[in-house]
């Protein structure tokens, strides 16, 4: 038989807290909300929100994009960097 652990003499015994389950509806991608088909490489203001200070692109989870728009953002960012609208590294 398994023995129950005795509480150590110096620590008070606390009952475990029950966590409430949180159901939150999945937020839509910002480009899906605006019904944008393709992300424009000339829109530097939008692209700069999707990039860190070091020039790395945010993940889908952090940026809040769906898979298709994340790929579109990647292409737009590469094009903007190639024609020097966005820096490769900040």
N, C-alpha and C. Protein backbone atom coordinates (compact mmCIF):
# COMPACT_ATOMS: atom_id res chain seq x y z
N UNK A 1 0.83 -1.19 0.00
CA UNK A 1 0.00 0.00 0.00
C UNK A 1 0.87 1.25 0.00
N UNK A 2 0.36 2.27 -0.66
CA UNK A 2 1.09 3.52 -0.71
C UNK A 2 0.79 4.34 0.54
N UNK A 3 1.84 4.94 1.06
CA UNK A 3 1.68 5.76 2.26
C UNK A 3 1.41 7.20 1.87
N UNK A 4 0.61 7.87 2.68
CA UNK A 4 0.37 9.29 2.47
C UNK A 4 1.54 10.06 3.06
N UNK A 5 1.91 11.12 2.36
CA UNK A 5 2.99 11.96 2.86
C UNK A 5 2.48 12.80 4.03
N UNK A 6 3.27 12.85 5.05
CA UNK A 6 2.93 13.70 6.19
C UNK A 6 3.47 15.10 5.92
N UNK A 7 2.70 16.11 6.27
CA UNK A 7 3.21 17.46 6.07
C UNK A 7 4.39 17.73 7.01
N UNK A 8 5.36 18.47 6.48
CA UNK A 8 6.50 18.80 7.32
C UNK A 8 6.04 19.73 8.45
N UNK A 9 6.70 19.66 9.61
CA UNK A 9 6.22 20.41 10.78
C UNK A 9 6.24 21.93 10.60
N UNK A 10 7.09 22.47 9.73
CA UNK A 10 7.22 23.92 9.60
C UNK A 10 6.24 24.54 8.61
N UNK A 11 5.63 23.74 7.75
CA UNK A 11 4.79 24.30 6.69
C UNK A 11 3.31 24.01 6.93
N UNK A 12 2.46 25.02 6.78
CA UNK A 12 1.02 24.77 6.92
C UNK A 12 0.49 24.05 5.67
N UNK A 13 -0.54 23.26 5.85
CA UNK A 13 -1.13 22.51 4.73
C UNK A 13 -2.19 23.38 4.08
N UNK A 14 -2.08 23.55 2.75
CA UNK A 14 -3.05 24.34 2.00
C UNK A 14 -3.83 23.42 1.06
N UNK A 15 -5.10 23.65 0.93
CA UNK A 15 -5.85 22.85 -0.05
C UNK A 15 -5.48 23.30 -1.47
N UNK A 16 -5.51 22.36 -2.42
CA UNK A 16 -5.17 22.70 -3.80
C UNK A 16 -6.28 23.52 -4.42
N UNK A 17 -5.87 24.52 -5.23
CA UNK A 17 -6.85 25.37 -5.91
C UNK A 17 -7.32 24.69 -7.18
N UNK A 18 -8.59 24.81 -7.45
CA UNK A 18 -9.13 24.28 -8.69
C UNK A 18 -9.09 25.37 -9.75
N UNK A 19 -8.62 25.01 -10.93
CA UNK A 19 -8.57 25.98 -12.02
C UNK A 19 -9.86 25.96 -12.80
N UNK A 20 -10.33 27.15 -13.14
CA UNK A 20 -11.51 27.25 -13.97
C UNK A 20 -11.10 27.09 -15.43
N UNK A 21 -11.86 26.33 -16.17
CA UNK A 21 -11.53 26.17 -17.59
C UNK A 21 -11.97 27.43 -18.33
N UNK A 22 -11.06 27.93 -19.12
CA UNK A 22 -11.34 29.16 -19.87
C UNK A 22 -11.48 28.81 -21.33
N UNK A 23 -12.66 29.02 -21.86
CA UNK A 23 -12.87 28.81 -23.28
C UNK A 23 -12.98 30.16 -23.94
N UNK A 24 -12.06 30.42 -24.83
CA UNK A 24 -12.05 31.68 -25.54
C UNK A 24 -12.11 31.39 -27.03
N UNK A 25 -12.95 32.10 -27.72
CA UNK A 25 -13.07 31.87 -29.15
C UNK A 25 -11.78 32.34 -29.83
N UNK A 26 -11.36 31.60 -30.82
CA UNK A 26 -10.13 31.90 -31.54
C UNK A 26 -10.28 33.25 -32.25
N UNK A 27 -9.35 34.15 -32.03
CA UNK A 27 -9.38 35.45 -32.68
C UNK A 27 -9.01 35.28 -34.15
N UNK A 28 -9.67 36.03 -35.00
CA UNK A 28 -9.40 35.92 -36.43
C UNK A 28 -8.14 36.69 -36.78
N UNK A 29 -7.52 36.25 -37.83
CA UNK A 29 -6.33 36.90 -38.38
C UNK A 29 -6.71 38.33 -38.82
N UNK A 30 -5.80 39.28 -38.64
CA UNK A 30 -6.11 40.67 -38.98
C UNK A 30 -6.38 40.85 -40.47
N UNK A 31 -5.73 40.04 -41.30
CA UNK A 31 -5.94 40.14 -42.75
C UNK A 31 -7.25 39.47 -43.16
N UNK A 32 -7.64 38.42 -42.43
CA UNK A 32 -8.94 37.78 -42.69
C UNK A 32 -10.08 38.72 -42.30
N UNK A 33 -9.91 39.45 -41.20
CA UNK A 33 -10.94 40.40 -40.78
C UNK A 33 -11.14 41.50 -41.81
N UNK A 34 -10.03 41.94 -42.42
CA UNK A 34 -10.10 42.99 -43.44
C UNK A 34 -10.39 42.43 -44.83
N UNK A 35 -10.49 41.09 -44.92
CA UNK A 35 -10.74 40.38 -46.19
C UNK A 35 -9.68 40.72 -47.23
N UNK A 36 -8.41 40.66 -46.82
CA UNK A 36 -7.28 40.91 -47.69
C UNK A 36 -6.82 39.58 -48.29
N UNK A 37 -6.69 39.54 -49.62
CA UNK A 37 -6.23 38.30 -50.27
C UNK A 37 -4.73 38.13 -50.14
N UNK A 38 -4.00 39.17 -50.49
CA UNK A 38 -2.54 39.12 -50.50
C UNK A 38 -2.00 40.33 -49.72
N UNK A 39 -0.98 40.11 -48.92
CA UNK A 39 -0.37 41.20 -48.15
C UNK A 39 0.53 41.99 -49.09
N UNK A 40 0.39 43.31 -49.08
CA UNK A 40 1.13 44.17 -49.99
C UNK A 40 2.53 44.46 -49.44
N UNK A 41 3.54 44.29 -50.26
CA UNK A 41 4.92 44.52 -49.82
C UNK A 41 5.23 46.00 -49.68
N UNK A 42 4.43 46.86 -50.28
CA UNK A 42 4.67 48.31 -50.20
C UNK A 42 4.10 48.92 -48.92
N UNK A 43 3.28 48.17 -48.20
CA UNK A 43 2.68 48.66 -46.96
C UNK A 43 3.64 48.38 -45.79
N UNK A 44 4.60 49.26 -45.62
CA UNK A 44 5.67 49.08 -44.64
C UNK A 44 5.14 49.18 -43.21
N UNK A 45 4.12 49.98 -42.99
CA UNK A 45 3.56 50.14 -41.63
C UNK A 45 3.00 48.82 -41.12
N UNK A 46 2.32 48.09 -41.97
CA UNK A 46 1.76 46.79 -41.57
C UNK A 46 2.88 45.77 -41.38
N UNK A 47 3.83 45.75 -42.30
CA UNK A 47 4.92 44.78 -42.21
C UNK A 47 5.80 45.02 -40.99
N UNK A 48 5.98 46.27 -40.60
CA UNK A 48 6.84 46.55 -39.44
C UNK A 48 6.22 46.05 -38.13
N UNK A 49 4.88 45.91 -38.09
CA UNK A 49 4.22 45.36 -36.91
C UNK A 49 4.42 43.85 -36.79
N UNK A 50 4.81 43.21 -37.88
CA UNK A 50 4.98 41.76 -37.90
C UNK A 50 6.44 41.35 -37.71
N UNK A 51 7.31 42.31 -37.44
CA UNK A 51 8.75 42.04 -37.36
C UNK A 51 9.29 42.53 -36.01
N UNK A 52 10.24 41.77 -35.43
CA UNK A 52 10.86 42.18 -34.17
C UNK A 52 11.84 43.31 -34.41
N UNK A 53 12.44 43.80 -33.33
CA UNK A 53 13.44 44.86 -33.46
C UNK A 53 14.70 44.38 -34.16
N UNK A 54 14.95 43.08 -34.07
CA UNK A 54 16.14 42.52 -34.70
C UNK A 54 15.89 42.12 -36.15
N UNK A 55 14.69 42.32 -36.64
CA UNK A 55 14.39 42.03 -38.04
C UNK A 55 13.80 40.65 -38.28
N UNK A 56 13.56 39.89 -37.22
CA UNK A 56 12.96 38.56 -37.38
C UNK A 56 11.45 38.69 -37.44
N UNK A 57 10.83 37.81 -38.18
CA UNK A 57 9.38 37.83 -38.29
C UNK A 57 8.76 37.11 -37.10
N UNK A 58 7.65 37.66 -36.58
CA UNK A 58 6.95 37.02 -35.47
C UNK A 58 6.32 35.72 -35.93
N UNK A 59 6.16 34.79 -35.00
CA UNK A 59 5.51 33.53 -35.30
C UNK A 59 4.02 33.76 -35.54
N UNK A 60 3.36 32.76 -36.06
CA UNK A 60 1.92 32.86 -36.30
C UNK A 60 1.16 33.13 -35.02
N UNK A 61 1.56 32.45 -33.97
CA UNK A 61 0.87 32.59 -32.70
C UNK A 61 1.04 33.99 -32.13
N UNK A 62 2.24 34.50 -32.20
CA UNK A 62 2.53 35.84 -31.65
C UNK A 62 1.97 36.94 -32.52
N UNK A 63 2.07 36.76 -33.85
CA UNK A 63 1.57 37.79 -34.76
C UNK A 63 0.07 37.73 -34.97
N UNK A 64 -0.52 36.56 -34.73
CA UNK A 64 -1.97 36.41 -34.85
C UNK A 64 -2.46 36.20 -36.26
N UNK A 65 -1.60 35.63 -37.12
CA UNK A 65 -1.99 35.41 -38.51
C UNK A 65 -2.41 33.96 -38.73
N UNK A 66 -3.24 33.76 -39.76
CA UNK A 66 -3.55 32.40 -40.17
C UNK A 66 -2.41 31.91 -41.06
N UNK A 67 -2.42 30.64 -41.41
CA UNK A 67 -1.30 30.04 -42.14
C UNK A 67 -1.11 30.67 -43.52
N UNK A 68 -2.19 30.87 -44.24
CA UNK A 68 -2.06 31.42 -45.60
C UNK A 68 -1.56 32.87 -45.58
N UNK A 69 -2.05 33.66 -44.63
CA UNK A 69 -1.59 35.04 -44.55
C UNK A 69 -0.18 35.14 -43.97
N UNK A 70 0.23 34.18 -43.16
CA UNK A 70 1.61 34.17 -42.66
C UNK A 70 2.58 33.95 -43.81
N UNK A 71 2.22 33.04 -44.72
CA UNK A 71 3.06 32.81 -45.91
C UNK A 71 3.08 34.04 -46.79
N UNK A 72 1.94 34.69 -46.92
CA UNK A 72 1.84 35.90 -47.73
C UNK A 72 2.69 37.03 -47.12
N UNK A 73 2.69 37.12 -45.79
CA UNK A 73 3.51 38.12 -45.10
C UNK A 73 4.99 37.85 -45.31
N UNK A 74 5.35 36.57 -45.29
CA UNK A 74 6.74 36.18 -45.49
C UNK A 74 7.22 36.63 -46.87
N UNK A 75 6.40 36.37 -47.89
CA UNK A 75 6.76 36.78 -49.25
C UNK A 75 6.85 38.30 -49.36
N UNK A 76 5.88 39.00 -48.78
CA UNK A 76 5.87 40.47 -48.84
C UNK A 76 7.08 41.05 -48.12
N UNK A 77 7.45 40.46 -46.99
CA UNK A 77 8.60 40.94 -46.23
C UNK A 77 9.89 40.74 -47.03
N UNK A 78 10.02 39.60 -47.68
CA UNK A 78 11.21 39.33 -48.49
C UNK A 78 11.31 40.31 -49.65
N UNK A 79 10.17 40.59 -50.27
CA UNK A 79 10.16 41.54 -51.40
C UNK A 79 10.50 42.95 -50.92
N UNK A 80 9.94 43.34 -49.78
CA UNK A 80 10.21 44.68 -49.24
C UNK A 80 11.68 44.83 -48.85
N UNK A 81 12.27 43.77 -48.33
CA UNK A 81 13.69 43.82 -47.99
C UNK A 81 14.55 43.90 -49.24
N UNK A 82 14.17 43.17 -50.27
CA UNK A 82 14.96 43.12 -51.50
C UNK A 82 15.03 44.49 -52.18
N UNK A 83 13.93 45.24 -52.15
CA UNK A 83 13.95 46.56 -52.79
C UNK A 83 14.18 47.68 -51.77
N UNK A 84 14.68 47.31 -50.60
CA UNK A 84 15.15 48.23 -49.55
C UNK A 84 14.05 49.09 -48.93
N UNK A 85 12.83 48.58 -48.84
CA UNK A 85 11.80 49.28 -48.10
C UNK A 85 11.89 48.92 -46.61
N UNK A 86 12.34 47.69 -46.34
CA UNK A 86 12.51 47.20 -44.96
C UNK A 86 13.95 46.77 -44.78
N UNK A 87 14.51 46.98 -43.59
CA UNK A 87 15.88 46.52 -43.36
C UNK A 87 15.93 45.01 -43.08
N UNK A 88 17.05 44.39 -43.43
CA UNK A 88 17.25 42.97 -43.08
C UNK A 88 17.47 42.85 -41.58
N UNK A 89 18.30 43.75 -41.04
CA UNK A 89 18.59 43.75 -39.62
C UNK A 89 18.52 45.20 -39.14
N UNK A 90 17.95 45.39 -37.94
CA UNK A 90 17.83 46.75 -37.41
C UNK A 90 18.97 47.06 -36.49
